[in-house]
Amino acid sequence: MGVLVPEALTAADRLEQAGVGTDVVCVTSPGLLFQAIRSRQGGDGRPVWILDQVITG
């Protein structure tokens, strides 16, 4: 997953304790995510299903 995941999870726990709701998302394909965002903005027909997964998780 990556070397920063434990730090991100610790930070999320600390934020939760402070009353700030958090989610941690591990993006394994930033290129696919970026292409989907661009496609949704410009309507070039590329798949955007990944954005629905991020939003509704």
PDB file of N, CA and C in Angstrom:
ATOM      1  N   MET A   1       0.816  -1.198   0.000  1.00  0.00           N
ATOM      2  CA  MET A   1       0.000   0.000   0.000  1.00  0.00           C
ATOM      3  C   MET A   1       0.851   1.250   0.000  1.00  0.00           C
ATOM      4  N   GLY A   2       1.929   1.227   0.714  1.00  0.00           N
ATOM      5  CA  GLY A   2       2.775   2.409   0.724  1.00  0.00           C
ATOM      6  C   GLY A   2       3.268   2.715   2.118  1.00  0.00           C
ATOM      7  N   VAL A   3       4.396   3.387   2.176  1.00  0.00           N
ATOM      8  CA  VAL A   3       5.013   3.647   3.465  1.00  0.00           C
ATOM      9  C   VAL A   3       4.294   4.727   4.267  1.00  0.00           C
ATOM     10  N   LEU A   4       3.481   5.537   3.618  1.00  0.00           N
ATOM     11  CA  LEU A   4       2.796   6.612   4.328  1.00  0.00           C
ATOM     12  C   LEU A   4       1.426   6.220   4.873  1.00  0.00           C
ATOM     13  N   VAL A   5       0.949   5.036   4.549  1.00  0.00           N
ATOM     14  CA  VAL A   5      -0.376   4.615   5.001  1.00  0.00           C
ATOM     15  C   VAL A   5      -0.481   4.586   6.525  1.00  0.00           C
ATOM     16  N   PRO A   6       0.482   4.016   7.243  1.00  0.00           N
ATOM     17  CA  PRO A   6       0.353   4.047   8.715  1.00  0.00           C
ATOM     18  C   PRO A   6       0.246   5.468   9.277  1.00  0.00           C
ATOM     19  N   GLU A   7       1.021   6.396   8.718  1.00  0.00           N
ATOM     20  CA  GLU A   7       0.942   7.780   9.177  1.00  0.00           C
ATOM     21  C   GLU A   7      -0.414   8.391   8.854  1.00  0.00           C
ATOM     22  N   ALA A   8      -0.948   8.079   7.687  1.00  0.00           N
ATOM     23  CA  ALA A   8      -2.261   8.598   7.309  1.00  0.00           C
ATOM     24  C   ALA A   8      -3.345   8.047   8.233  1.00  0.00           C
ATOM     25  N   LEU A   9      -3.252   6.773   8.582  1.00  0.00           N
ATOM     26  CA  LEU A   9      -4.236   6.172   9.486  1.00  0.00           C
ATOM     27  C   LEU A   9      -4.125   6.758  10.890  1.00  0.00           C
ATOM     28  N   THR A  10      -2.918   7.000  11.344  1.00  0.00           N
ATOM     29  CA  THR A  10      -2.723   7.633  12.652  1.00  0.00           C
ATOM     30  C   THR A  10      -3.305   9.043  12.657  1.00  0.00           C
ATOM     31  N   ALA A  11      -3.053   9.784  11.597  1.00  0.00           N
ATOM     32  CA  ALA A  11      -3.599  11.138  11.487  1.00  0.00           C
ATOM     33  C   ALA A  11      -5.127  11.102  11.462  1.00  0.00           C
ATOM     34  N   ALA A  12      -5.696  10.141  10.751  1.00  0.00           N
ATOM     35  CA  ALA A  12      -7.153  10.016  10.698  1.00  0.00           C
ATOM     36  C   ALA A  12      -7.717   9.716  12.080  1.00  0.00           C
ATOM     37  N   ASP A  13      -7.058   8.855  12.829  1.00  0.00           N
ATOM     38  CA  ASP A  13      -7.496   8.549  14.193  1.00  0.00           C
ATOM     39  C   ASP A  13      -7.454   9.798  15.075  1.00  0.00           C
ATOM     40  N   ARG A  14      -6.399  10.564  14.946  1.00  0.00           N
ATOM     41  CA  ARG A  14      -6.279  11.793  15.751  1.00  0.00           C
ATOM     42  C   ARG A  14      -7.354  12.809  15.372  1.00  0.00           C
ATOM     43  N   LEU A  15      -7.634  12.912  14.098  1.00  0.00           N
ATOM     44  CA  LEU A  15      -8.700  13.821  13.670  1.00  0.00           C
ATOM     45  C   LEU A  15     -10.056  13.357  14.183  1.00  0.00           C
ATOM     46  N   GLU A  16     -10.314  12.056  14.128  1.00  0.00           N
ATOM     47  CA  GLU A  16     -11.568  11.504  14.646  1.00  0.00           C
ATOM     48  C   GLU A  16     -11.713  11.831  16.138  1.00  0.00           C
ATOM     49  N   GLN A  17     -10.620  11.685  16.901  1.00  0.00           N
ATOM     50  CA  GLN A  17     -10.651  11.990  18.327  1.00  0.00           C
ATOM     51  C   GLN A  17     -10.946  13.467  18.575  1.00  0.00           C
ATOM     52  N   ALA A  18     -10.567  14.310  17.630  1.00  0.00           N
ATOM     53  CA  ALA A  18     -10.825  15.742  17.742  1.00  0.00           C
ATOM     54  C   ALA A  18     -12.196  16.119  17.206  1.00  0.00           C
ATOM     55  N   GLY A  19     -12.960  15.123  16.767  1.00  0.00           N
ATOM     56  CA  GLY A  19     -14.310  15.390  16.278  1.00  0.00           C
ATOM     57  C   GLY A  19     -14.405  15.684  14.798  1.00  0.00           C
ATOM     58  N   VAL A  20     -13.347  15.414  14.076  1.00  0.00           N
ATOM     59  CA  VAL A  20     -13.341  15.656  12.632  1.00  0.00           C
ATOM     60  C   VAL A  20     -13.438  14.303  11.924  1.00  0.00           C
ATOM     61  N   GLY A  21     -14.547  14.073  11.238  1.00  0.00           N
ATOM     62  CA  GLY A  21     -14.721  12.824  10.501  1.00  0.00           C
ATOM     63  C   GLY A  21     -13.739  12.727   9.349  1.00  0.00           C
ATOM     64  N   THR A  22     -13.154  11.552   9.181  1.00  0.00           N
ATOM     65  CA  THR A  22     -12.160  11.371   8.127  1.00  0.00           C
ATOM     66  C   THR A  22     -12.323  10.033   7.433  1.00  0.00           C
ATOM     67  N   ASP A  23     -11.830   9.968   6.239  1.00  0.00           N
ATOM     68  CA  ASP A  23     -11.685   8.731   5.483  1.00  0.00           C
ATOM     69  C   ASP A  23     -10.277   8.727   4.907  1.00  0.00           C
ATOM     70  N   VAL A  24      -9.693   7.557   4.812  1.00  0.00           N
ATOM     71  CA  VAL A  24      -8.386   7.408   4.179  1.00  0.00           C
ATOM     72  C   VAL A  24      -8.595   6.579   2.923  1.00  0.00           C
ATOM     73  N   VAL A  25      -8.136   7.103   1.812  1.00  0.00           N
ATOM     74  CA  VAL A  25      -8.287   6.429   0.530  1.00  0.00           C
ATOM     75  C   VAL A  25      -6.902   6.103  -0.015  1.00  0.00           C
ATOM     76  N   CYS A  26      -6.696   4.853  -0.341  1.00  0.00           N
ATOM     77  CA  CYS A  26      -5.446   4.426  -0.951  1.00  0.00           C
ATOM     78  C   CYS A  26      -5.675   4.318  -2.458  1.00  0.00           C
ATOM     79  N   VAL A  27      -5.103   5.221  -3.203  1.00  0.00           N
ATOM     80  CA  VAL A  27      -5.287   5.258  -4.652  1.00  0.00           C
ATOM     81  C   VAL A  27      -4.162   4.452  -5.295  1.00  0.00           C
ATOM     82  N   THR A  28      -4.533   3.330  -5.908  1.00  0.00           N
ATOM     83  CA  THR A  28      -3.537   2.468  -6.527  1.00  0.00           C
ATOM     84  C   THR A  28      -3.342   2.765  -8.007  1.00  0.00           C
ATOM     85  N   SER A  29      -4.237   3.565  -8.575  1.00  0.00           N
ATOM     86  CA  SER A  29      -4.103   3.923  -9.981  1.00  0.00           C
ATOM     87  C   SER A  29      -4.445   5.400 -10.164  1.00  0.00           C
ATOM     88  N   PRO A  30      -3.528   6.295  -9.804  1.00  0.00           N
ATOM     89  CA  PRO A  30      -3.835   7.709  -9.950  1.00  0.00           C
ATOM     90  C   PRO A  30      -4.078   8.111 -11.397  1.00  0.00           C
ATOM     91  N   GLY A  31      -3.453   7.416 -12.332  1.00  0.00           N
ATOM     92  CA  GLY A  31      -3.670   7.730 -13.748  1.00  0.00           C
ATOM     93  C   GLY A  31      -5.113   7.476 -14.166  1.00  0.00           C
ATOM     94  N   LEU A  32      -5.656   6.340 -13.736  1.00  0.00           N
ATOM     95  CA  LEU A  32      -7.050   6.016 -14.049  1.00  0.00           C
ATOM     96  C   LEU A  32      -7.990   7.030 -13.411  1.00  0.00           C
ATOM     97  N   LEU A  33      -7.707   7.411 -12.197  1.00  0.00           N
ATOM     98  CA  LEU A  33      -8.528   8.403 -11.509  1.00  0.00           C
ATOM     99  C   LEU A  33      -8.463   9.748 -12.232  1.00  0.00           C
ATOM    100  N   PHE A  34      -7.275  10.166 -12.615  1.00  0.00           N
ATOM    101  CA  PHE A  34      -7.107  11.430 -13.329  1.00  0.00           C
ATOM    102  C   PHE A  34      -7.842  11.410 -14.670  1.00  0.00           C
ATOM    103  N   GLN A  35      -7.713  10.306 -15.415  1.00  0.00           N
ATOM    104  CA  GLN A  35      -8.398  10.199 -16.709  1.00  0.00           C
ATOM    105  C   GLN A  35      -9.910  10.268 -16.537  1.00  0.00           C
ATOM    106  N   ALA A  36     -10.427   9.645 -15.491  1.00  0.00           N
ATOM    107  CA  ALA A  36     -11.866   9.674 -15.258  1.00  0.00           C
ATOM    108  C   ALA A  36     -12.340  11.087 -14.931  1.00  0.00           C
ATOM    109  N   ILE A  37     -11.564  11.800 -14.138  1.00  0.00           N
ATOM    110  CA  ILE A  37     -11.928  13.181 -13.819  1.00  0.00           C
ATOM    111  C   ILE A  37     -11.937  14.026 -15.082  1.00  0.00           C
ATOM    112  N   ARG A  38     -10.901  13.886 -15.896  1.00  0.00           N
ATOM    113  CA  ARG A  38     -10.845  14.649 -17.153  1.00  0.00           C
ATOM    114  C   ARG A  38     -11.993  14.268 -18.082  1.00  0.00           C
ATOM    115  N   SER A  39     -12.330  12.994 -18.131  1.00  0.00           N
ATOM    116  CA  SER A  39     -13.413  12.536 -18.987  1.00  0.00           C
ATOM    117  C   SER A  39     -14.747  13.119 -18.533  1.00  0.00           C
ATOM    118  N   ARG A  40     -14.980  13.125 -17.235  1.00  0.00           N
ATOM    119  CA  ARG A  40     -16.238  13.673 -16.722  1.00  0.00           C
ATOM    120  C   ARG A  40     -16.324  15.168 -17.016  1.00  0.00           C
ATOM    121  N   GLN A  41     -15.214  15.858 -16.995  1.00  0.00           N
ATOM    122  CA  GLN A  41     -15.206  17.290 -17.277  1.00  0.00           C
ATOM    123  C   GLN A  41     -15.432  17.570 -18.758  1.00  0.00           C
ATOM    124  N   GLY A  42     -14.820  16.743 -19.605  1.00  0.00           N
ATOM    125  CA  GLY A  42     -14.874  17.019 -21.035  1.00  0.00           C
ATOM    126  C   GLY A  42     -15.748  16.081 -21.834  1.00  0.00           C
ATOM    127  N   GLY A  43     -16.241  15.031 -21.221  1.00  0.00           N
ATOM    128  CA  GLY A  43     -17.127  14.103 -21.907  1.00  0.00           C
ATOM    129  C   GLY A  43     -16.502  13.380 -23.075  1.00  0.00           C
ATOM    130  N   ASP A  44     -15.237  12.928 -22.933  1.00  0.00           N
ATOM    131  CA  ASP A  44     -14.588  12.263 -24.062  1.00  0.00           C
ATOM    132  C   ASP A  44     -14.930  10.776 -24.163  1.00  0.00           C
ATOM    133  N   GLY A  45     -15.821  10.294 -23.311  1.00  0.00           N
ATOM    134  CA  GLY A  45     -16.297   8.926 -23.429  1.00  0.00           C
ATOM    135  C   GLY A  45     -15.497   7.874 -22.686  1.00  0.00           C
ATOM    136  N   ARG A  46     -14.431   8.261 -22.024  1.00  0.00           N
ATOM    137  CA  ARG A  46     -13.677   7.281 -21.246  1.00  0.00           C
ATOM    138  C   ARG A  46     -14.488   6.880 -20.015  1.00  0.00           C
ATOM    139  N   PRO A  47     -14.221   5.696 -19.472  1.00  0.00           N
ATOM    140  CA  PRO A  47     -14.982   5.234 -18.309  1.00  0.00           C
ATOM    141  C   PRO A  47     -14.786   6.135 -17.089  1.00  0.00           C
ATOM    142  N   VAL A  48     -15.865   6.384 -16.375  1.00  0.00           N
ATOM    143  CA  VAL A  48     -15.800   7.210 -15.168  1.00  0.00           C
ATOM    144  C   VAL A  48     -16.304   6.441 -13.935  1.00  0.00           C
ATOM    145  N   TRP A  49     -16.455   5.137 -14.044  1.00  0.00           N
ATOM    146  CA  TRP A  49     -16.978   4.338 -12.939  1.00  0.00           C
ATOM    147  C   TRP A  49     -16.152   4.476 -11.676  1.00  0.00           C
ATOM    148  N   ILE A  50     -14.864   4.709 -11.828  1.00  0.00           N
ATOM    149  CA  ILE A  50     -14.014   4.811 -10.642  1.00  0.00           C
ATOM    150  C   ILE A  50     -14.416   6.005  -9.764  1.00  0.00           C
ATOM    151  N   LEU A  51     -14.897   7.059 -10.374  1.00  0.00           N
ATOM    152  CA  LEU A  51     -15.337   8.217  -9.589  1.00  0.00           C
ATOM    153  C   LEU A  51     -16.560   7.876  -8.749  1.00  0.00           C
ATOM    154  N   ASP A  52     -17.450   7.070  -9.301  1.00  0.00           N
ATOM    155  CA  ASP A  52     -18.621   6.644  -8.537  1.00  0.00           C
ATOM    156  C   ASP A  52     -18.203   5.790  -7.347  1.00  0.00           C
ATOM    157  N   GLN A  53     -17.154   4.984  -7.500  1.00  0.00           N
ATOM    158  CA  GLN A  53     -16.656   4.167  -6.399  1.00  0.00           C
ATOM    159  C   GLN A  53     -16.057   5.038  -5.300  1.00  0.00           C
ATOM    160  N   VAL A  54     -15.382   6.087  -5.682  1.00  0.00           N
ATOM    161  CA  VAL A  54     -14.775   6.972  -4.703  1.00  0.00           C
ATOM    162  C   VAL A  54     -15.858   7.710  -3.914  1.00  0.00           C
ATOM    163  N   ILE A  55     -16.887   8.139  -4.612  1.00  0.00           N
ATOM    164  CA  ILE A  55     -17.940   8.946  -3.975  1.00  0.00           C
ATOM    165  C   ILE A  55     -18.830   8.081  -3.090  1.00  0.00           C
ATOM    166  N   THR A  56     -19.221   6.897  -3.582  1.00  0.00           N
ATOM    167  CA  THR A  56     -20.163   6.082  -2.819  1.00  0.00           C
ATOM    168  C   THR A  56     -19.480   5.027  -1.976  1.00  0.00           C
ATOM    169  N   GLY A  57     -18.219   4.699  -2.322  1.00  0.00           N
ATOM    170  CA  GLY A  57     -17.385   3.753  -1.624  1.00  0.00           C
ATOM    171  C   GLY A  57     -18.101   2.699  -0.945  1.00  0.00           C
TER     172      GLY A  57
END
